Amino acid sequence: MNIMLPKKTALIIIDVQNAIDHPEWSKYGSRNNLKAEENMSLLLSKWRQSGRKIIHVKHESTEPNSTYRSGDIGCEFKECVSPIEGELIIIKHVNSAFIGTDLEAILRESNISHLVVFGVITNNSVETTVRMAGNLGFNTHLVEDATFTFAKPDYTGKIRTADEVHTMSLANLENEYCKVVCTDQVVNAL
């Protein structure tokens, strides 16, 4: 399926920081989408070439034991998505990139109505941000193979694989808050 991305489409990169490599995240099992960083890097490179707006969302936790604590190495961006001069960085302290930030105002002032989103963790900050983007009326595309998560226990305590957690989040979002797409579709649209 081909997708259309107007010139006024912003790329939103969520929480791709060194903290995500901490072993704590894998305590219930490994992550999915092992090529996600490769896809992230490709998308960012192609997006830069297209001249469209890029927004890096950086989580700075206020929790004392968080792997995303401000000032720690975990809070730094992963090399595959390191911002360059002129790219906007939004600092957030909760899971949604729209809460406590000026992200919505920046998008509205720039007349941006279309978003492409990728990052981590699928079922946390990515899902929350995409839900809000859809509720705020943004035409949002979530890049499923440039997004990943980890195994996690469900409500009953049964451990669900990272793929199960990931695909359930995608199912929650698809056609209600966003269109789920893959890296190749976005690259072809650019």
N, C-alpha and C. Protein backbone atom coordinates (compact mmCIF):
# COMPACT_ATOMS: atom_id res chain seq x y z
N MET A 1 0.83 -1.18 0.00
CA MET A 1 0.00 0.00 0.00
C MET A 1 0.88 1.25 0.00
N ASN A 2 0.62 2.15 -0.90
CA ASN A 2 1.35 3.42 -0.95
C ASN A 2 0.71 4.40 0.03
N ILE A 3 1.54 5.25 0.60
CA ILE A 3 1.05 6.30 1.48
C ILE A 3 1.47 7.65 0.92
N MET A 4 0.74 8.68 1.28
CA MET A 4 1.06 10.04 0.85
C MET A 4 1.52 10.85 2.06
N LEU A 5 2.66 11.52 1.90
CA LEU A 5 3.19 12.35 2.97
C LEU A 5 3.40 13.76 2.42
N PRO A 6 2.51 14.68 2.74
CA PRO A 6 2.70 16.06 2.29
C PRO A 6 4.01 16.64 2.80
N LYS A 7 4.50 17.67 2.14
CA LYS A 7 5.74 18.33 2.55
C LYS A 7 5.65 18.81 4.00
N LYS A 8 4.46 19.14 4.44
CA LYS A 8 4.25 19.61 5.82
C LYS A 8 3.98 18.44 6.78
N THR A 9 4.74 17.36 6.64
CA THR A 9 4.65 16.22 7.56
C THR A 9 5.88 16.25 8.46
N ALA A 10 5.66 16.09 9.76
CA ALA A 10 6.77 16.09 10.73
C ALA A 10 7.10 14.66 11.14
N LEU A 11 8.38 14.41 11.33
CA LEU A 11 8.86 13.15 11.89
C LEU A 11 9.03 13.34 13.39
N ILE A 12 8.39 12.47 14.16
CA ILE A 12 8.48 12.52 15.63
C ILE A 12 9.20 11.25 16.09
N ILE A 13 10.35 11.43 16.72
CA ILE A 13 11.17 10.31 17.21
C ILE A 13 11.05 10.29 18.73
N ILE A 14 10.53 9.18 19.27
CA ILE A 14 10.19 9.14 20.68
C ILE A 14 11.15 8.28 21.51
N ASP A 15 11.84 8.92 22.45
CA ASP A 15 12.60 8.26 23.53
C ASP A 15 13.67 7.28 23.07
N VAL A 16 14.29 7.53 21.93
CA VAL A 16 15.35 6.63 21.47
C VAL A 16 16.65 7.07 22.13
N GLN A 17 16.81 6.60 23.35
CA GLN A 17 17.91 6.99 24.22
C GLN A 17 18.63 5.75 24.73
N ASN A 18 19.85 5.93 25.21
CA ASN A 18 20.66 4.81 25.69
C ASN A 18 19.99 4.02 26.80
N ALA A 19 19.10 4.64 27.54
CA ALA A 19 18.42 3.99 28.66
C ALA A 19 17.72 2.71 28.23
N ILE A 20 17.27 2.65 27.00
CA ILE A 20 16.50 1.51 26.52
C ILE A 20 17.35 0.25 26.41
N ASP A 21 18.67 0.39 26.44
CA ASP A 21 19.56 -0.77 26.37
C ASP A 21 19.88 -1.36 27.74
N HIS A 22 19.38 -0.75 28.81
CA HIS A 22 19.63 -1.25 30.16
C HIS A 22 18.97 -2.63 30.33
N PRO A 23 19.69 -3.58 30.96
CA PRO A 23 19.15 -4.94 31.14
C PRO A 23 17.81 -4.99 31.88
N GLU A 24 17.50 -3.99 32.67
CA GLU A 24 16.24 -3.96 33.41
C GLU A 24 15.04 -4.13 32.48
N TRP A 25 15.13 -3.57 31.28
CA TRP A 25 14.00 -3.63 30.34
C TRP A 25 13.74 -5.06 29.86
N SER A 26 14.75 -5.90 29.88
CA SER A 26 14.62 -7.28 29.37
C SER A 26 14.38 -8.31 30.47
N LYS A 27 13.95 -7.89 31.63
CA LYS A 27 13.82 -8.82 32.75
C LYS A 27 12.77 -9.92 32.52
N TYR A 28 11.82 -9.69 31.62
CA TYR A 28 10.80 -10.71 31.32
C TYR A 28 11.05 -11.40 29.98
N GLY A 29 12.04 -10.96 29.27
CA GLY A 29 12.35 -11.54 27.96
C GLY A 29 12.85 -10.47 27.01
N SER A 30 13.34 -10.92 25.88
CA SER A 30 14.00 -10.02 24.94
C SER A 30 13.01 -9.09 24.23
N ARG A 31 13.55 -8.12 23.58
CA ARG A 31 12.77 -7.15 22.81
C ARG A 31 12.48 -7.71 21.42
N ASN A 32 11.66 -7.01 20.68
CA ASN A 32 11.38 -7.38 19.30
C ASN A 32 12.05 -6.38 18.35
N ASN A 33 11.84 -6.58 17.07
CA ASN A 33 12.35 -5.67 16.03
C ASN A 33 13.83 -5.33 16.20
N LEU A 34 14.67 -6.35 16.13
CA LEU A 34 16.10 -6.15 16.35
C LEU A 34 16.75 -5.26 15.30
N LYS A 35 16.08 -5.03 14.19
CA LYS A 35 16.61 -4.11 13.16
C LYS A 35 15.98 -2.73 13.26
N ALA A 36 15.29 -2.46 14.35
CA ALA A 36 14.60 -1.17 14.48
C ALA A 36 15.57 0.01 14.37
N GLU A 37 16.72 -0.08 15.03
CA GLU A 37 17.66 1.05 14.98
C GLU A 37 18.18 1.27 13.56
N GLU A 38 18.37 0.21 12.82
CA GLU A 38 18.78 0.33 11.42
C GLU A 38 17.70 1.06 10.62
N ASN A 39 16.44 0.70 10.85
CA ASN A 39 15.33 1.37 10.18
C ASN A 39 15.19 2.82 10.64
N MET A 40 15.40 3.07 11.93
CA MET A 40 15.35 4.44 12.45
C MET A 40 16.38 5.31 11.75
N SER A 41 17.59 4.80 11.65
CA SER A 41 18.68 5.54 11.02
C SER A 41 18.38 5.84 9.55
N LEU A 42 17.87 4.85 8.84
CA LEU A 42 17.51 5.03 7.43
C LEU A 42 16.42 6.08 7.29
N LEU A 43 15.38 5.97 8.09
CA LEU A 43 14.27 6.93 8.02
C LEU A 43 14.74 8.35 8.32
N LEU A 44 15.56 8.50 9.35
CA LEU A 44 16.06 9.82 9.71
C LEU A 44 16.90 10.40 8.59
N SER A 45 17.75 9.60 7.98
CA SER A 45 18.59 10.06 6.87
C SER A 45 17.74 10.51 5.69
N LYS A 46 16.76 9.70 5.32
CA LYS A 46 15.88 10.05 4.19
C LYS A 46 15.03 11.27 4.52
N TRP A 47 14.60 11.37 5.77
CA TRP A 47 13.79 12.52 6.18
C TRP A 47 14.61 13.81 6.09
N ARG A 48 15.85 13.74 6.54
CA ARG A 48 16.72 14.91 6.44
C ARG A 48 16.90 15.33 4.99
N GLN A 49 17.08 14.37 4.11
CA GLN A 49 17.23 14.67 2.68
C GLN A 49 15.98 15.32 2.11
N SER A 50 14.82 14.98 2.65
CA SER A 50 13.56 15.53 2.13
C SER A 50 13.30 16.96 2.60
N GLY A 51 14.03 17.41 3.63
CA GLY A 51 13.87 18.77 4.13
C GLY A 51 12.65 18.98 5.01
N ARG A 52 12.01 17.91 5.43
CA ARG A 52 10.83 18.03 6.30
C ARG A 52 11.26 18.20 7.77
N LYS A 53 10.30 18.65 8.58
CA LYS A 53 10.54 18.92 10.00
C LYS A 53 10.82 17.64 10.78
N ILE A 54 11.80 17.71 11.67
CA ILE A 54 12.18 16.59 12.54
C ILE A 54 12.11 17.05 13.99
N ILE A 55 11.43 16.26 14.80
CA ILE A 55 11.32 16.56 16.23
C ILE A 55 11.76 15.34 17.02
N HIS A 56 12.79 15.52 17.84
CA HIS A 56 13.28 14.47 18.72
C HIS A 56 12.62 14.66 20.08
N VAL A 57 12.01 13.62 20.60
CA VAL A 57 11.40 13.67 21.92
C VAL A 57 12.33 12.94 22.88
N LYS A 58 12.72 13.63 23.92
CA LYS A 58 13.66 13.09 24.90
C LYS A 58 12.97 12.98 26.25
N HIS A 59 12.99 11.78 26.80
CA HIS A 59 12.40 11.58 28.13
C HIS A 59 13.44 11.86 29.20
N GLU A 60 13.11 12.74 30.11
CA GLU A 60 13.95 13.01 31.28
C GLU A 60 13.11 12.69 32.50
N SER A 61 13.35 11.52 33.06
CA SER A 61 12.54 11.05 34.18
C SER A 61 12.87 11.80 35.46
N THR A 62 11.84 11.96 36.26
CA THR A 62 12.03 12.55 37.59
C THR A 62 12.11 11.46 38.66
N GLU A 63 11.99 10.19 38.23
CA GLU A 63 12.08 9.05 39.15
C GLU A 63 13.55 8.78 39.49
N PRO A 64 13.90 8.62 40.77
CA PRO A 64 15.31 8.47 41.15
C PRO A 64 15.99 7.22 40.60
N ASN A 65 15.26 6.14 40.35
CA ASN A 65 15.88 4.90 39.86
C ASN A 65 15.67 4.67 38.37
N SER A 66 15.18 5.66 37.67
CA SER A 66 14.89 5.49 36.25
C SER A 66 16.17 5.40 35.42
N THR A 67 16.13 4.57 34.37
CA THR A 67 17.25 4.51 33.43
C THR A 67 17.29 5.76 32.55
N TYR A 68 16.22 6.55 32.57
CA TYR A 68 16.11 7.79 31.79
C TYR A 68 16.36 9.04 32.64
N ARG A 69 17.03 8.90 33.76
CA ARG A 69 17.25 10.03 34.66
C ARG A 69 18.15 11.07 34.00
N SER A 70 17.75 12.30 34.08
CA SER A 70 18.51 13.42 33.51
C SER A 70 19.93 13.46 34.07
N GLY A 71 20.90 13.67 33.20
CA GLY A 71 22.29 13.76 33.61
C GLY A 71 23.03 12.44 33.51
N ASP A 72 22.31 11.32 33.43
CA ASP A 72 22.94 10.01 33.29
C ASP A 72 23.17 9.69 31.81
N ILE A 73 24.10 8.78 31.54
CA ILE A 73 24.39 8.36 30.17
C ILE A 73 23.15 7.78 29.49
N GLY A 74 22.27 7.16 30.26
CA GLY A 74 21.05 6.60 29.71
C GLY A 74 20.11 7.62 29.12
N CYS A 75 20.23 8.85 29.56
CA CYS A 75 19.36 9.91 29.08
C CYS A 75 19.79 10.45 27.71
N GLU A 76 20.99 10.13 27.30
CA GLU A 76 21.51 10.62 26.01
C GLU A 76 20.88 9.87 24.84
N PHE A 77 20.76 10.55 23.71
CA PHE A 77 20.19 9.93 22.51
C PHE A 77 21.09 8.80 22.01
N LYS A 78 20.47 7.76 21.48
CA LYS A 78 21.24 6.70 20.83
C LYS A 78 21.85 7.27 19.56
N GLU A 79 23.01 6.78 19.21
CA GLU A 79 23.75 7.29 18.07
C GLU A 79 22.94 7.25 16.77
N CYS A 80 22.11 6.24 16.60
CA CYS A 80 21.35 6.08 15.35
C CYS A 80 20.37 7.21 15.08
N VAL A 81 20.03 8.00 16.09
CA VAL A 81 19.08 9.11 15.92
C VAL A 81 19.60 10.42 16.51
N SER A 82 20.89 10.54 16.70
CA SER A 82 21.42 11.76 17.31
C SER A 82 20.99 12.99 16.53
N PRO A 83 20.41 13.97 17.23
CA PRO A 83 20.00 15.20 16.55
C PRO A 83 21.19 15.97 16.00
N ILE A 84 20.96 16.69 14.93
CA ILE A 84 21.96 17.60 14.39
C ILE A 84 21.44 19.02 14.57
N GLU A 85 22.31 19.97 14.35
CA GLU A 85 21.95 21.37 14.52
C GLU A 85 20.70 21.72 13.71
N GLY A 86 19.79 22.42 14.35
CA GLY A 86 18.56 22.84 13.70
C GLY A 86 17.38 21.91 13.92
N GLU A 87 17.63 20.71 14.45
CA GLU A 87 16.53 19.79 14.73
C GLU A 87 16.03 20.03 16.15
N LEU A 88 14.73 20.10 16.27
CA LEU A 88 14.08 20.43 17.53
C LEU A 88 14.12 19.25 18.50
N ILE A 89 14.39 19.55 19.76
CA ILE A 89 14.35 18.56 20.83
C ILE A 89 13.27 18.99 21.83
N ILE A 90 12.32 18.11 22.06
CA ILE A 90 11.26 18.33 23.05
C ILE A 90 11.58 17.47 24.26
N ILE A 91 11.61 18.07 25.43
CA ILE A 91 11.85 17.33 26.67
C ILE A 91 10.51 17.02 27.32
N LYS A 92 10.31 15.75 27.66
CA LYS A 92 9.08 15.35 28.35
C LYS A 92 9.44 14.63 29.65
N HIS A 93 8.48 14.62 30.57
CA HIS A 93 8.70 13.97 31.87
C HIS A 93 7.67 12.88 32.15
N VAL A 94 6.71 12.71 31.26
CA VAL A 94 5.69 11.66 31.37
C VAL A 94 5.67 10.91 30.05
N ASN A 95 4.79 9.91 29.92
CA ASN A 95 4.83 9.09 28.73
C ASN A 95 4.37 9.78 27.44
N SER A 96 3.47 10.71 27.47
CA SER A 96 3.01 11.38 26.26
C SER A 96 3.87 12.59 25.92
N ALA A 97 4.26 12.68 24.66
CA ALA A 97 5.05 13.82 24.20
C ALA A 97 4.24 15.11 24.14
N PHE A 98 2.92 15.01 24.30
CA PHE A 98 2.06 16.20 24.25
C PHE A 98 1.79 16.80 25.63
N ILE A 99 2.03 16.04 26.70
CA ILE A 99 1.71 16.50 28.06
C ILE A 99 2.91 17.25 28.65
N GLY A 100 2.66 18.49 29.06
CA GLY A 100 3.71 19.29 29.69
C GLY A 100 4.76 19.81 28.72
N THR A 101 4.46 19.75 27.42
CA THR A 101 5.39 20.25 26.40
C THR A 101 4.65 21.21 25.48
N ASP A 102 5.39 21.84 24.59
CA ASP A 102 4.75 22.71 23.60
C ASP A 102 4.68 22.05 22.22
N LEU A 103 4.70 20.71 22.19
CA LEU A 103 4.69 19.98 20.92
C LEU A 103 3.48 20.34 20.07
N GLU A 104 2.29 20.30 20.64
CA GLU A 104 1.10 20.63 19.85
C GLU A 104 1.18 22.04 19.29
N ALA A 105 1.57 23.00 20.11
CA ALA A 105 1.66 24.39 19.65
C ALA A 105 2.67 24.53 18.52
N ILE A 106 3.79 23.86 18.63
CA ILE A 106 4.82 23.91 17.58
C ILE A 106 4.27 23.36 16.27
N LEU A 107 3.57 22.23 16.34
CA LEU A 107 2.99 21.63 15.14
C LEU A 107 1.93 22.54 14.53
N ARG A 108 1.07 23.10 15.36
CA ARG A 108 0.00 23.98 14.86
C ARG A 108 0.59 25.25 14.23
N GLU A 109 1.58 25.85 14.90
CA GLU A 109 2.20 27.07 14.37
C GLU A 109 2.92 26.82 13.05
N SER A 110 3.37 25.59 12.85
CA SER A 110 4.06 25.22 11.61
C SER A 110 3.09 24.69 10.55
N ASN A 111 1.78 24.74 10.85
CA ASN A 111 0.74 24.24 9.94
C ASN A 111 0.96 22.79 9.55
N ILE A 112 1.40 21.99 10.51
CA ILE A 112 1.63 20.57 10.27
C ILE A 112 0.41 19.79 10.75
N SER A 113 -0.14 18.99 9.84
CA SER A 113 -1.30 18.17 10.18
C SER A 113 -1.00 16.68 10.04
N HIS A 114 0.15 16.34 9.47
CA HIS A 114 0.55 14.94 9.27
C HIS A 114 1.82 14.64 10.07
N LEU A 115 1.82 13.46 10.70
CA LEU A 115 2.96 13.03 11.50
C LEU A 115 3.38 11.62 11.10
N VAL A 116 4.68 11.38 11.15
CA VAL A 116 5.23 10.03 11.09
C VAL A 116 5.96 9.84 12.40
N VAL A 117 5.65 8.73 13.09
CA VAL A 117 6.16 8.50 14.44
C VAL A 117 6.89 7.16 14.50
N PHE A 118 8.02 7.15 15.19
CA PHE A 118 8.66 5.89 15.58
C PHE A 118 9.40 6.10 16.89
N GLY A 119 9.81 4.99 17.52
CA GLY A 119 10.57 5.10 18.76
C GLY A 119 10.31 3.95 19.70
N VAL A 120 10.42 4.22 20.99
CA VAL A 120 10.26 3.21 22.03
C VAL A 120 9.47 3.81 23.20
N ILE A 121 8.86 3.06 23.95
CA ILE A 121 8.45 1.66 23.86
C ILE A 121 7.07 1.64 23.23
N THR A 122 6.81 0.67 22.36
CA THR A 122 5.56 0.63 21.60
C THR A 122 4.36 0.82 22.50
N ASN A 123 4.26 0.03 23.56
CA ASN A 123 3.07 0.02 24.42
C ASN A 123 3.09 1.08 25.51
N ASN A 124 4.05 1.97 25.48
CA ASN A 124 4.10 3.01 26.49
C ASN A 124 4.11 4.38 25.82
N SER A 125 5.25 5.02 25.74
CA SER A 125 5.31 6.39 25.23
C SER A 125 4.88 6.51 23.77
N VAL A 126 5.19 5.50 22.96
CA VAL A 126 4.77 5.56 21.56
C VAL A 126 3.25 5.48 21.48
N GLU A 127 2.66 4.48 22.12
CA GLU A 127 1.20 4.34 22.05
C GLU A 127 0.49 5.56 22.63
N THR A 128 0.95 6.06 23.75
CA THR A 128 0.31 7.21 24.37
C THR A 128 0.39 8.45 23.48
N THR A 129 1.54 8.69 22.91
CA THR A 129 1.71 9.85 22.04
C THR A 129 0.87 9.73 20.78
N VAL A 130 0.85 8.54 20.18
CA VAL A 130 0.06 8.34 18.97
C VAL A 130 -1.43 8.48 19.27
N ARG A 131 -1.89 7.95 20.39
CA ARG A 131 -3.31 8.12 20.76
C ARG A 131 -3.66 9.60 20.87
N MET A 132 -2.81 10.36 21.54
CA MET A 132 -3.09 11.79 21.70
C MET A 132 -3.04 12.50 20.36
N ALA A 133 -2.07 12.15 19.52
CA ALA A 133 -1.97 12.77 18.19
C ALA A 133 -3.26 12.54 17.41
N GLY A 134 -3.76 11.31 17.44
CA GLY A 134 -5.01 11.02 16.76
C GLY A 134 -6.17 11.78 17.35
N ASN A 135 -6.25 11.84 18.67
CA ASN A 135 -7.34 12.58 19.32
C ASN A 135 -7.27 14.08 19.05
N LEU A 136 -6.07 14.59 18.83
CA LEU A 136 -5.90 16.01 18.53
C LEU A 136 -6.13 16.33 17.05
N GLY A 137 -6.40 15.28 16.26
CA GLY A 137 -6.73 15.49 14.85
C GLY A 137 -5.57 15.41 13.88
N PHE A 138 -4.40 14.98 14.34
CA PHE A 138 -3.28 14.83 13.43
C PHE A 138 -3.42 13.54 12.64
N ASN A 139 -3.12 13.59 11.35
CA ASN A 139 -3.09 12.42 10.48
C ASN A 139 -1.75 11.74 10.75
N THR A 140 -1.79 10.63 11.48
CA THR A 140 -0.58 10.03 12.03
C THR A 140 -0.28 8.67 11.43
N HIS A 141 0.99 8.46 11.11
CA HIS A 141 1.49 7.16 10.65
C HIS A 141 2.51 6.67 11.67
N LEU A 142 2.34 5.43 12.13
CA LEU A 142 3.27 4.81 13.08
C LEU A 142 4.09 3.76 12.33
N VAL A 143 5.41 3.90 12.38
CA VAL A 143 6.31 2.99 11.66
C VAL A 143 6.61 1.79 12.55
N GLU A 144 5.92 0.68 12.27
CA GLU A 144 5.97 -0.49 13.16
C GLU A 144 7.32 -1.16 13.22
N ASP A 145 8.11 -1.13 12.15
CA ASP A 145 9.40 -1.82 12.18
C ASP A 145 10.55 -0.89 12.58
N ALA A 146 10.22 0.34 12.99
CA ALA A 146 11.20 1.27 13.56
C ALA A 146 10.78 1.61 14.99
N THR A 147 10.01 0.71 15.57
CA THR A 147 9.48 0.85 16.92
C THR A 147 9.62 -0.53 17.58
N PHE A 148 9.91 -0.54 18.88
CA PHE A 148 10.02 -1.84 19.54
C PHE A 148 9.60 -1.76 20.99
N THR A 149 9.47 -2.96 21.57
CA THR A 149 9.11 -3.07 22.98
C THR A 149 9.75 -4.33 23.55
N PHE A 150 9.34 -4.68 24.74
CA PHE A 150 9.91 -5.81 25.47
C PHE A 150 8.80 -6.75 25.95
N ALA A 151 9.20 -7.98 26.27
CA ALA A 151 8.26 -8.92 26.88
C ALA A 151 7.76 -8.32 28.19
N LYS A 152 6.51 -8.67 28.53
CA LYS A 152 5.88 -8.05 29.71
C LYS A 152 4.75 -8.95 30.20
N PRO A 153 4.55 -8.99 31.53
CA PRO A 153 3.40 -9.76 32.02
C PRO A 153 2.09 -9.03 31.74
N ASP A 154 1.06 -9.80 31.37
CA ASP A 154 -0.25 -9.19 31.17
C ASP A 154 -0.94 -9.01 32.52
N TYR A 155 -2.19 -8.60 32.50
CA TYR A 155 -2.94 -8.31 33.71
C TYR A 155 -3.06 -9.52 34.63
N THR A 156 -3.07 -10.72 34.04
CA THR A 156 -3.21 -11.94 34.85
C THR A 156 -1.87 -12.50 35.30
N GLY A 157 -0.76 -11.88 34.86
CA GLY A 157 0.57 -12.33 35.24
C GLY A 157 1.25 -13.20 34.21
N LYS A 158 0.55 -13.56 33.14
CA LYS A 158 1.16 -14.37 32.08
C LYS A 158 2.14 -13.52 31.28
N ILE A 159 3.36 -14.03 31.11
CA ILE A 159 4.37 -13.29 30.36
C ILE A 159 4.01 -13.32 28.88
N ARG A 160 3.92 -12.16 28.27
CA ARG A 160 3.66 -12.01 26.84
C ARG A 160 4.97 -11.63 26.16
N THR A 161 5.23 -12.22 25.01
CA THR A 161 6.46 -11.91 24.28
C THR A 161 6.42 -10.46 23.81
N ALA A 162 7.59 -9.96 23.46
CA ALA A 162 7.67 -8.60 22.92
C ALA A 162 6.84 -8.47 21.66
N ASP A 163 6.86 -9.49 20.80
CA ASP A 163 6.04 -9.44 19.58
C ASP A 163 4.55 -9.37 19.92
N GLU A 164 4.12 -10.12 20.93
CA GLU A 164 2.70 -10.07 21.33
C GLU A 164 2.33 -8.69 21.87
N VAL A 165 3.17 -8.14 22.71
CA VAL A 165 2.90 -6.82 23.28
C VAL A 165 2.88 -5.77 22.16
N HIS A 166 3.85 -5.85 21.26
CA HIS A 166 3.97 -4.91 20.14
C HIS A 166 2.74 -4.97 19.24
N THR A 167 2.38 -6.18 18.82
CA THR A 167 1.26 -6.29 17.88
C THR A 167 -0.07 -5.93 18.52
N MET A 168 -0.23 -6.15 19.81
CA MET A 168 -1.46 -5.72 20.48
C MET A 168 -1.55 -4.19 20.53
N SER A 169 -0.43 -3.54 20.80
CA SER A 169 -0.43 -2.07 20.77
C SER A 169 -0.79 -1.56 19.39
N LEU A 170 -0.20 -2.17 18.36
CA LEU A 170 -0.50 -1.76 16.98
C LEU A 170 -1.99 -1.95 16.68
N ALA A 171 -2.54 -3.08 17.15
CA ALA A 171 -3.96 -3.33 16.94
C ALA A 171 -4.82 -2.29 17.65
N ASN A 172 -4.40 -1.86 18.84
CA ASN A 172 -5.14 -0.83 19.57
C ASN A 172 -5.18 0.49 18.81
N LEU A 173 -4.12 0.77 18.06
CA LEU A 173 -3.96 2.07 17.40
C LEU A 173 -4.49 2.12 15.97
N GLU A 174 -4.32 1.03 15.24
CA GLU A 174 -4.63 0.99 13.80
C GLU A 174 -6.06 1.40 13.50
N ASN A 175 -6.19 2.34 12.56
CA ASN A 175 -7.47 2.83 12.03
C ASN A 175 -8.30 3.65 13.00
N GLU A 176 -7.89 3.75 14.25
CA GLU A 176 -8.60 4.63 15.17
C GLU A 176 -7.77 5.86 15.50
N TYR A 177 -6.48 5.67 15.71
CA TYR A 177 -5.60 6.78 16.05
C TYR A 177 -4.54 7.04 14.97
N CYS A 178 -4.26 6.04 14.15
CA CYS A 178 -3.19 6.16 13.16
C CYS A 178 -3.33 5.10 12.08
N LYS A 179 -2.44 5.19 11.11
CA LYS A 179 -2.22 4.12 10.14
C LYS A 179 -0.87 3.52 10.49
N VAL A 180 -0.82 2.20 10.62
CA VAL A 180 0.43 1.51 10.89
C VAL A 180 1.09 1.23 9.55
N VAL A 181 2.35 1.63 9.43
CA VAL A 181 3.10 1.49 8.18
C VAL A 181 4.47 0.88 8.48
N CYS A 182 5.22 0.58 7.43
CA CYS A 182 6.58 0.07 7.60
C CYS A 182 7.58 1.06 6.99
N THR A 183 8.83 0.85 7.29
CA THR A 183 9.91 1.73 6.83
C THR A 183 9.88 1.92 5.33
N ASP A 184 9.75 0.83 4.57
CA ASP A 184 9.77 0.92 3.11
C ASP A 184 8.67 1.83 2.58
N GLN A 185 7.49 1.77 3.18
CA GLN A 185 6.38 2.63 2.74
C GLN A 185 6.72 4.11 2.93
N VAL A 186 7.34 4.44 4.07
CA VAL A 186 7.69 5.84 4.34
C VAL A 186 8.80 6.29 3.37
N VAL A 187 9.82 5.46 3.20
CA VAL A 187 10.92 5.81 2.29
C VAL A 187 10.38 6.02 0.88
N ASN A 188 9.48 5.16 0.43
CA ASN A 188 8.92 5.31 -0.92
C ASN A 188 8.07 6.57 -1.05
N ALA A 189 7.43 7.00 0.05
CA ALA A 189 6.61 8.21 0.02
C ALA A 189 7.43 9.48 0.01
N LEU A 190 8.69 9.38 0.44
CA LEU A 190 9.55 10.56 0.47
C LEU A 190 10.15 10.82 -0.91
